[in-house]
C-alpha atoms as a PDB file:
ATOM      1  CA  MET A   1     -19.807  -8.158   3.536  1.00  0.00           C
ATOM      2  CA  GLY A   2     -15.793  -8.936   3.630  1.00  0.00           C
ATOM      3  CA  THR A   3     -13.273  -7.645   5.328  1.00  0.00           C
ATOM      4  CA  LEU A   4     -10.979  -4.928   3.482  1.00  0.00           C
ATOM      5  CA  VAL A   5      -7.252  -5.869   4.271  1.00  0.00           C
ATOM      6  CA  VAL A   6      -3.907  -3.557   3.147  1.00  0.00           C
ATOM      7  CA  ILE A   7      -0.468  -4.146   3.821  1.00  0.00           C
ATOM      8  CA  GLU A   8       1.749  -1.207   3.552  1.00  0.00           C
ATOM      9  CA  GLY A   9       5.270  -0.532   3.484  1.00  0.00           C
ATOM     10  CA  VAL A  10       7.953   0.951   1.313  1.00  0.00           C
ATOM     11  CA  ASP A  11       9.618  -0.707  -1.721  1.00  0.00           C
ATOM     12  CA  GLY A  12      11.207  -4.021  -0.658  1.00  0.00           C
ATOM     13  CA  ALA A  13       9.447  -4.338   2.259  1.00  0.00           C
ATOM     14  CA  GLY A  14       8.447  -7.761   1.729  1.00  0.00           C
ATOM     15  CA  LYS A  15       4.808  -7.234   0.939  1.00  0.00           C
ATOM     16  CA  ASN A  16       4.233  -9.460  -1.685  1.00  0.00           C
ATOM     17  CA  THR A  17       6.320 -12.405   0.410  1.00  0.00           C
ATOM     18  CA  LEU A  18       3.783 -11.428   3.827  1.00  0.00           C
ATOM     19  CA  ALA A  19       0.626 -11.425   1.175  1.00  0.00           C
ATOM     20  CA  ARG A  20       0.967 -14.914  -0.153  1.00  0.00           C
ATOM     21  CA  ARG A  21       1.561 -16.060   3.185  1.00  0.00           C
ATOM     22  CA  LEU A  22      -1.367 -14.556   4.466  1.00  0.00           C
ATOM     23  CA  VAL A  23      -3.328 -16.028   1.231  1.00  0.00           C
ATOM     24  CA  SER A  24      -2.277 -19.262   2.264  1.00  0.00           C
ATOM     25  CA  SER A  25      -2.954 -18.737   5.807  1.00  0.00           C
ATOM     26  CA  TRP A  26      -6.753 -18.016   5.321  1.00  0.00           C
ATOM     27  CA  GLU A  27      -7.329 -20.120   2.253  1.00  0.00           C
ATOM     28  CA  ARG A  28      -6.091 -23.404   4.895  1.00  0.00           C
ATOM     29  CA  ASP A  29      -9.032 -21.802   6.778  1.00  0.00           C
ATOM     30  CA  ASP A  30     -11.457 -22.153   3.929  1.00  0.00           C
ATOM     31  CA  LEU A  31     -11.920 -18.505   3.600  1.00  0.00           C
ATOM     32  CA  ASP A  32     -12.499 -17.358   0.037  1.00  0.00           C
ATOM     33  CA  VAL A  33      -9.745 -14.328  -0.426  1.00  0.00           C
ATOM     34  CA  VAL A  34      -9.105 -12.067  -3.388  1.00  0.00           C
ATOM     35  CA  ARG A  35      -5.639 -10.407  -3.720  1.00  0.00           C
ATOM     36  CA  ILE A  36      -5.087  -7.105  -5.814  1.00  0.00           C
ATOM     37  CA  GLY A  37      -2.115  -4.972  -6.046  1.00  0.00           C
ATOM     38  CA  PHE A  38      -1.863  -1.441  -6.068  1.00  0.00           C
ATOM     39  CA  PRO A  39      -0.732   0.307  -8.526  1.00  0.00           C
ATOM     40  CA  ARG A  40      -2.556  -2.180 -11.075  1.00  0.00           C
ATOM     41  CA  TYR A  41       0.068  -2.181 -14.225  1.00  0.00           C
ATOM     42  CA  GLU A  42      -1.404  -3.427 -17.664  1.00  0.00           C
ATOM     43  CA  VAL A  43      -5.166  -2.867 -15.946  1.00  0.00           C
ATOM     44  CA  SER A  44      -5.585   0.416 -15.528  1.00  0.00           C
ATOM     45  CA  VAL A  45      -4.187   3.556 -18.026  1.00  0.00           C
ATOM     46  CA  HIS A  46      -3.806   5.986 -15.148  1.00  0.00           C
ATOM     47  CA  ALA A  47      -1.031   3.195 -13.171  1.00  0.00           C
ATOM     48  CA  ASP A  48       0.387   2.697 -16.487  1.00  0.00           C
ATOM     49  CA  LEU A  49       0.947   6.658 -17.149  1.00  0.00           C
ATOM     50  CA  ALA A  50       2.311   7.103 -13.880  1.00  0.00           C
ATOM     51  CA  ALA A  51       5.029   4.368 -14.418  1.00  0.00           C
ATOM     52  CA  GLU A  52       5.621   5.519 -17.834  1.00  0.00           C
ATOM     53  CA  ALA A  53       6.065   9.302 -16.269  1.00  0.00           C
ATOM     54  CA  LEU A  54       8.487   7.452 -13.602  1.00  0.00           C
ATOM     55  CA  ARG A  55      10.405   6.072 -16.707  1.00  0.00           C
ATOM     56  CA  GLY A  56      10.922   9.368 -18.262  1.00  0.00           C
ATOM     57  CA  ASP A  57       8.025   9.723 -20.316  1.00  0.00           C
ATOM     58  CA  HIS A  58       5.726  12.306 -20.625  1.00  0.00           C
ATOM     59  CA  GLY A  59       7.076  15.505 -20.120  1.00  0.00           C
ATOM     60  CA  ASP A  60       7.768  17.087 -16.784  1.00  0.00           C
ATOM     61  CA  THR A  61       4.635  14.740 -15.339  1.00  0.00           C
ATOM     62  CA  ALA A  62       7.191  12.953 -12.948  1.00  0.00           C
ATOM     63  CA  SER A  63       8.466  16.052 -11.312  1.00  0.00           C
ATOM     64  CA  SER A  64       4.742  17.238 -10.397  1.00  0.00           C
ATOM     65  CA  VAL A  65       4.616  15.560  -6.844  1.00  0.00           C
ATOM     66  CA  HIS A  66       0.347  16.462  -7.098  1.00  0.00           C
ATOM     67  CA  ALA A  67       0.144  15.053 -10.865  1.00  0.00           C
ATOM     68  CA  MET A  68       1.584  11.527  -9.824  1.00  0.00           C
ATOM     69  CA  ALA A  69      -0.573  11.459  -6.508  1.00  0.00           C
ATOM     70  CA  LEU A  70      -3.606  12.013  -8.804  1.00  0.00           C
ATOM     71  CA  LEU A  71      -2.920   9.364 -11.479  1.00  0.00           C
ATOM     72  CA  PHE A  72      -2.292   7.090  -8.826  1.00  0.00           C
ATOM     73  CA  ALA A  73      -6.048   7.983  -7.077  1.00  0.00           C
ATOM     74  CA  LEU A  74      -7.186   8.216 -10.599  1.00  0.00           C
ATOM     75  CA  ASP A  75      -6.404   4.080 -10.621  1.00  0.00           C
ATOM     76  CA  ARG A  76      -7.923   3.548  -7.625  1.00  0.00           C
ATOM     77  CA  ARG A  77     -11.046   5.549  -8.326  1.00  0.00           C
ATOM     78  CA  ASP A  78     -11.514   2.917 -11.349  1.00  0.00           C
ATOM     79  CA  ALA A  79     -11.312   0.111  -9.249  1.00  0.00           C
ATOM     80  CA  ALA A  80     -13.841   0.854  -6.577  1.00  0.00           C
ATOM     81  CA  VAL A  81     -16.780  -0.600  -8.120  1.00  0.00           C
ATOM     82  CA  GLU A  82     -15.318  -3.768  -8.646  1.00  0.00           C
ATOM     83  CA  LEU A  83     -13.654  -3.536  -4.768  1.00  0.00           C
ATOM     84  CA  ARG A  84     -17.067  -3.323  -3.421  1.00  0.00           C
ATOM     85  CA  GLU A  85     -18.585  -6.156  -5.976  1.00  0.00           C
ATOM     86  CA  LEU A  86     -15.262  -8.559  -4.365  1.00  0.00           C
ATOM     87  CA  LEU A  87     -16.374  -7.560  -0.803  1.00  0.00           C
ATOM     88  CA  SER A  88     -19.733  -8.674  -1.382  1.00  0.00           C
ATOM     89  CA  ARG A  89     -18.444 -11.930  -2.083  1.00  0.00           C
ATOM     90  CA  ASN A  90     -15.721 -13.195  -0.767  1.00  0.00           C
ATOM     91  CA  HIS A  91     -14.319 -13.359   2.966  1.00  0.00           C
ATOM     92  CA  ILE A  92     -10.995 -11.139   2.377  1.00  0.00           C
ATOM     93  CA  VAL A  93      -9.935  -8.614  -0.001  1.00  0.00           C
ATOM     94  CA  LEU A  94      -6.508  -8.165   0.245  1.00  0.00           C
ATOM     95  CA  LEU A  95      -4.566  -5.336  -0.798  1.00  0.00           C
ATOM     96  CA  ASP A  96      -1.149  -4.999  -1.821  1.00  0.00           C
ATOM     97  CA  ARG A  97      -0.757  -1.014  -1.121  1.00  0.00           C
ATOM     98  CA  TYR A  98      -3.854   1.152  -1.194  1.00  0.00           C
ATOM     99  CA  VAL A  99      -4.353   5.051  -0.546  1.00  0.00           C
ATOM    100  CA  ALA A 100      -1.921   5.088   2.590  1.00  0.00           C
ATOM    101  CA  SER A 101       0.651   4.554   0.021  1.00  0.00           C
ATOM    102  CA  ASN A 102      -0.451   8.146  -1.727  1.00  0.00           C
ATOM    103  CA  ALA A 103      -0.498   9.712   1.136  1.00  0.00           C
ATOM    104  CA  ALA A 104       2.688   8.607   2.492  1.00  0.00           C
ATOM    105  CA  TYR A 105       4.944   8.757  -1.044  1.00  0.00           C
ATOM    106  CA  THR A 106       3.073  12.335  -1.479  1.00  0.00           C
ATOM    107  CA  ALA A 107       4.030  13.945   1.970  1.00  0.00           C
ATOM    108  CA  ALA A 108       7.544  12.092   1.600  1.00  0.00           C
ATOM    109  CA  ARG A 109       8.113  14.273  -1.752  1.00  0.00           C
ATOM    110  CA  LEU A 110       6.413  17.274  -0.351  1.00  0.00           C
ATOM    111  CA  GLU A 111       8.758  16.958   3.167  1.00  0.00           C
ATOM    112  CA  GLN A 112       5.807  16.719   5.265  1.00  0.00           C
ATOM    113  CA  SER A 113       4.464  14.661   8.033  1.00  0.00           C
ATOM    114  CA  ALA A 114       0.968  12.580   8.171  1.00  0.00           C
ATOM    115  CA  ASP A 115      -0.588  15.902   9.821  1.00  0.00           C
ATOM    116  CA  GLY A 116       0.266  17.812   6.743  1.00  0.00           C
ATOM    117  CA  GLU A 117      -1.853  18.871   3.925  1.00  0.00           C
ATOM    118  CA  ALA A 118      -1.000  17.098   1.686  1.00  0.00           C
ATOM    119  CA  VAL A 119      -1.907  13.858   3.683  1.00  0.00           C
ATOM    120  CA  GLU A 120      -5.918  15.279   4.477  1.00  0.00           C
ATOM    121  CA  TRP A 121      -5.571  16.109   0.988  1.00  0.00           C
ATOM    122  CA  ILE A 122      -5.340  12.486  -0.419  1.00  0.00           C
ATOM    123  CA  ARG A 123      -7.742  11.477   2.391  1.00  0.00           C
ATOM    124  CA  SER A 124     -10.353  13.918   0.959  1.00  0.00           C
ATOM    125  CA  LEU A 125      -9.277  13.119  -2.588  1.00  0.00           C
ATOM    126  CA  GLU A 126     -10.020   9.196  -2.337  1.00  0.00           C
ATOM    127  CA  PHE A 127     -12.245   8.373   0.500  1.00  0.00           C
ATOM    128  CA  ASP A 128     -14.328  11.014  -0.061  1.00  0.00           C
ATOM    129  CA  ARG A 129     -14.339  12.773  -3.256  1.00  0.00           C
ATOM    130  CA  PHE A 130     -13.729   9.370  -5.283  1.00  0.00           C
ATOM    131  CA  GLY A 131     -15.224   7.081  -2.730  1.00  0.00           C
ATOM    132  CA  VAL A 132     -12.988   4.583  -2.738  1.00  0.00           C
ATOM    133  CA  PRO A 133     -13.743   1.796   0.338  1.00  0.00           C
ATOM    134  CA  VAL A 134     -12.155   2.359   3.448  1.00  0.00           C
ATOM    135  CA  PRO A 135     -10.027  -0.774   4.703  1.00  0.00           C
ATOM    136  CA  ASP A 136     -11.050  -2.846   7.499  1.00  0.00           C
ATOM    137  CA  VAL A 137      -7.712  -2.542   8.800  1.00  0.00           C
ATOM    138  CA  GLN A 138      -4.101  -1.604   7.601  1.00  0.00           C
ATOM    139  CA  ILE A 139      -0.931  -3.801   7.861  1.00  0.00           C
ATOM    140  CA  LEU A 140       2.501  -2.178   7.821  1.00  0.00           C
ATOM    141  CA  LEU A 141       5.467  -4.290   7.212  1.00  0.00           C
ATOM    142  CA  ASP A 142       7.884  -1.843   9.099  1.00  0.00           C
ATOM    143  CA  VAL A 143      12.002  -3.174   7.807  1.00  0.00           C
ATOM    144  CA  SER A 144      14.790  -0.950   7.897  1.00  0.00           C
ATOM    145  CA  VAL A 145      14.909   1.016   4.823  1.00  0.00           C
ATOM    146  CA  GLU A 146      18.475   0.155   4.126  1.00  0.00           C
ATOM    147  CA  LEU A 147      16.846  -3.741   4.174  1.00  0.00           C
ATOM    148  CA  ALA A 148      14.653  -2.597   2.109  1.00  0.00           C
ATOM    149  CA  ALA A 149      16.810  -1.119  -0.377  1.00  0.00           C
ATOM    150  CA  GLN A 150      18.932  -3.920  -0.449  1.00  0.00           C
ATOM    151  CA  ARG A 151      16.049  -6.304  -1.288  1.00  0.00           C
ATOM    152  CA  ALA A 152      14.760  -4.101  -4.007  1.00  0.00           C
ATOM    153  CA  ALA A 153      18.346  -4.178  -5.463  1.00  0.00           C
ATOM    154  CA  SER A 154      18.436  -7.789  -5.174  1.00  0.00           C
ATOM    155  CA  ARG A 155      15.498  -8.572  -6.924  1.00  0.00           C
ATOM    156  CA  GLU A 156      16.098  -6.062  -9.836  1.00  0.00           C
ATOM    157  CA  SER A 157      19.474  -8.055 -10.617  1.00  0.00           C
ATOM    158  CA  GLU A 158      18.011 -11.185 -10.633  1.00  0.00           C
ATOM    159  CA  ASP A 159      14.865 -10.250 -12.831  1.00  0.00           C
ATOM    160  CA  ALA A 160      15.188  -8.072 -15.447  1.00  0.00           C
ATOM    161  CA  SER A 161      11.794  -7.117 -15.874  1.00  0.00           C
ATOM    162  CA  ARG A 162      11.906  -5.729 -12.247  1.00  0.00           C
ATOM    163  CA  VAL A 163      13.697  -2.638 -13.055  1.00  0.00           C
ATOM    164  CA  ARG A 164      13.692   0.127  -9.878  1.00  0.00           C
ATOM    165  CA  ASP A 165      11.976   3.617 -10.787  1.00  0.00           C
ATOM    166  CA  VAL A 166      13.094   6.870  -9.840  1.00  0.00           C
ATOM    167  CA  TYR A 167      10.987   6.884  -6.392  1.00  0.00           C
ATOM    168  CA  GLU A 168      12.733   3.321  -5.451  1.00  0.00           C
ATOM    169  CA  ARG A 169      16.298   4.945  -6.492  1.00  0.00           C
ATOM    170  CA  ASP A 170      15.779   7.531  -3.695  1.00  0.00           C
ATOM    171  CA  GLY A 171      17.328   6.348  -0.912  1.00  0.00           C
ATOM    172  CA  SER A 172      16.330   9.510   1.071  1.00  0.00           C
ATOM    173  CA  LEU A 173      12.821   9.309  -0.568  1.00  0.00           C
ATOM    174  CA  GLN A 174      12.051   5.770   0.735  1.00  0.00           C
ATOM    175  CA  SER A 175      13.660   6.954   4.418  1.00  0.00           C
ATOM    176  CA  ARG A 176      11.102   9.892   4.452  1.00  0.00           C
ATOM    177  CA  THR A 177       8.167   7.834   3.248  1.00  0.00           C
ATOM    178  CA  SER A 178       8.749   5.078   5.816  1.00  0.00           C
ATOM    179  CA  ALA A 179       8.961   7.697   8.511  1.00  0.00           C
ATOM    180  CA  VAL A 180       5.415   9.037   7.739  1.00  0.00           C
ATOM    181  CA  TYR A 181       4.272   5.591   7.430  1.00  0.00           C
ATOM    182  CA  GLY A 182       5.301   5.226  11.248  1.00  0.00           C
ATOM    183  CA  GLU A 183       3.260   8.749  11.947  1.00  0.00           C
ATOM    184  CA  LEU A 184       0.081   7.149  10.005  1.00  0.00           C
ATOM    185  CA  ALA A 185       0.241   4.113  12.177  1.00  0.00           C
ATOM    186  CA  ALA A 186       0.432   5.185  14.959  1.00  0.00           C
ATOM    187  CA  LEU A 187      -2.906   7.906  14.225  1.00  0.00           C
ATOM    188  CA  ASP A 188      -4.411   4.713  12.900  1.00  0.00           C
ATOM    189  CA  TRP A 189      -5.304   6.889  10.121  1.00  0.00           C
ATOM    190  CA  ALA A 190      -8.119   6.049   8.487  1.00  0.00           C
ATOM    191  CA  SER A 191      -8.834   2.866  10.097  1.00  0.00           C
ATOM    192  CA  PRO A 192      -7.023   0.067  12.669  1.00  0.00           C
ATOM    193  CA  TRP A 193      -3.383  -0.404  12.018  1.00  0.00           C
ATOM    194  CA  ARG A 194      -1.307  -3.579  13.024  1.00  0.00           C
ATOM    195  CA  VAL A 195       2.364  -2.425  12.803  1.00  0.00           C
ATOM    196  CA  VAL A 196       4.495  -5.941  11.918  1.00  0.00           C
ATOM    197  CA  GLY A 197       8.426  -6.990  11.707  1.00  0.00           C
ATOM    198  CA  ALA A 198      10.068  -9.058   9.172  1.00  0.00           C
ATOM    199  CA  ASP A 199      10.027 -12.138  11.166  1.00  0.00           C
ATOM    200  CA  VAL A 200       5.813 -11.790  12.035  1.00  0.00           C
ATOM    201  CA  ASP A 201       4.067 -15.200  12.090  1.00  0.00           C
ATOM    202  CA  PRO A 202       1.704 -15.226   9.006  1.00  0.00           C
ATOM    203  CA  ASP A 203      -0.909 -17.485  10.731  1.00  0.00           C
ATOM    204  CA  ARG A 204      -0.807 -15.336  13.763  1.00  0.00           C
ATOM    205  CA  LEU A 205      -1.394 -12.272  11.606  1.00  0.00           C
ATOM    206  CA  ALA A 206      -4.056 -13.696   9.284  1.00  0.00           C
ATOM    207  CA  ALA A 207      -6.181 -15.252  12.627  1.00  0.00           C
ATOM    208  CA  ASP A 208      -6.046 -12.009  14.468  1.00  0.00           C
ATOM    209  CA  VAL A 209      -6.727  -9.677  11.317  1.00  0.00           C
ATOM    210  CA  PHE A 210      -9.261 -11.897  10.714  1.00  0.00           C
ATOM    211  CA  ASN A 211     -11.097 -12.501  13.677  1.00  0.00           C
ATOM    212  CA  GLN A 212     -10.682  -9.189  14.929  1.00  0.00           C
ATOM    213  CA  PRO A 213     -10.642  -6.753  12.070  1.00  0.00           C
ATOM    214  CA  CYS A 214     -11.843  -3.447  13.447  1.00  0.00           C
ATOM    215  CA  GLY A 215     -11.016  -4.218  17.195  1.00  0.00           C
ATOM    216  CA  GLY A 216      -9.204  -2.428  19.911  1.00  0.00           C
ATOM    217  CA  MET A 217      -5.616  -1.681  20.204  1.00  0.00           C
ATOM    218  CA  LYS A 218      -3.140  -1.496  17.668  1.00  0.00           C
ATOM    219  CA  VAL A 219      -0.445  -4.313  18.170  1.00  0.00           C
ATOM    220  CA  THR A 220       2.850  -5.004  17.375  1.00  0.00           C
ATOM    221  CA  THR A 221       3.706  -8.712  16.380  1.00  0.00           C
END
């Protein structure tokens, strides 16, 4: 069975860049790696409905915290069988966002902390009821909200297809989400976490995650 690795962080943290570098490092070591990003836009109807809601479609769907969380959770439920199959055939399955993203944003929208009802609801819904695979390790890319916002705005200005949604444009929400992420990591929520900064060495991180996916104490790189 392969190792399920997740990268988490607020919008603009640099998750895509880190994911590419980790994949390159593992592939240089002749490991079989598959990478998937959540939400699975243009693949999952639930993800597409969520994206449309964030652009103002589907009435008041976007204003409902629980409705949006359900759409994102259903996207992962539909991917659960595929994830297990990929884990059976590959050394590593790398996910750009996963269940913790739903937990962090849902709690932040409700102005709750990681030990609140929202996070427990997401855990029970996705891991228990929907049975999505539990990660072996979760990596929090911890950068300042200000830097992340600058990156997201720059990405939008350079690529007309990358228009920020209402979540991404809400600086207060991003700050609260970042705080919940930090709390989840401190709790080793659902599985062990690694907390890394923007200057992380991807080769060192790749070796650490693959060689000791479930081991010991959380480290800050």
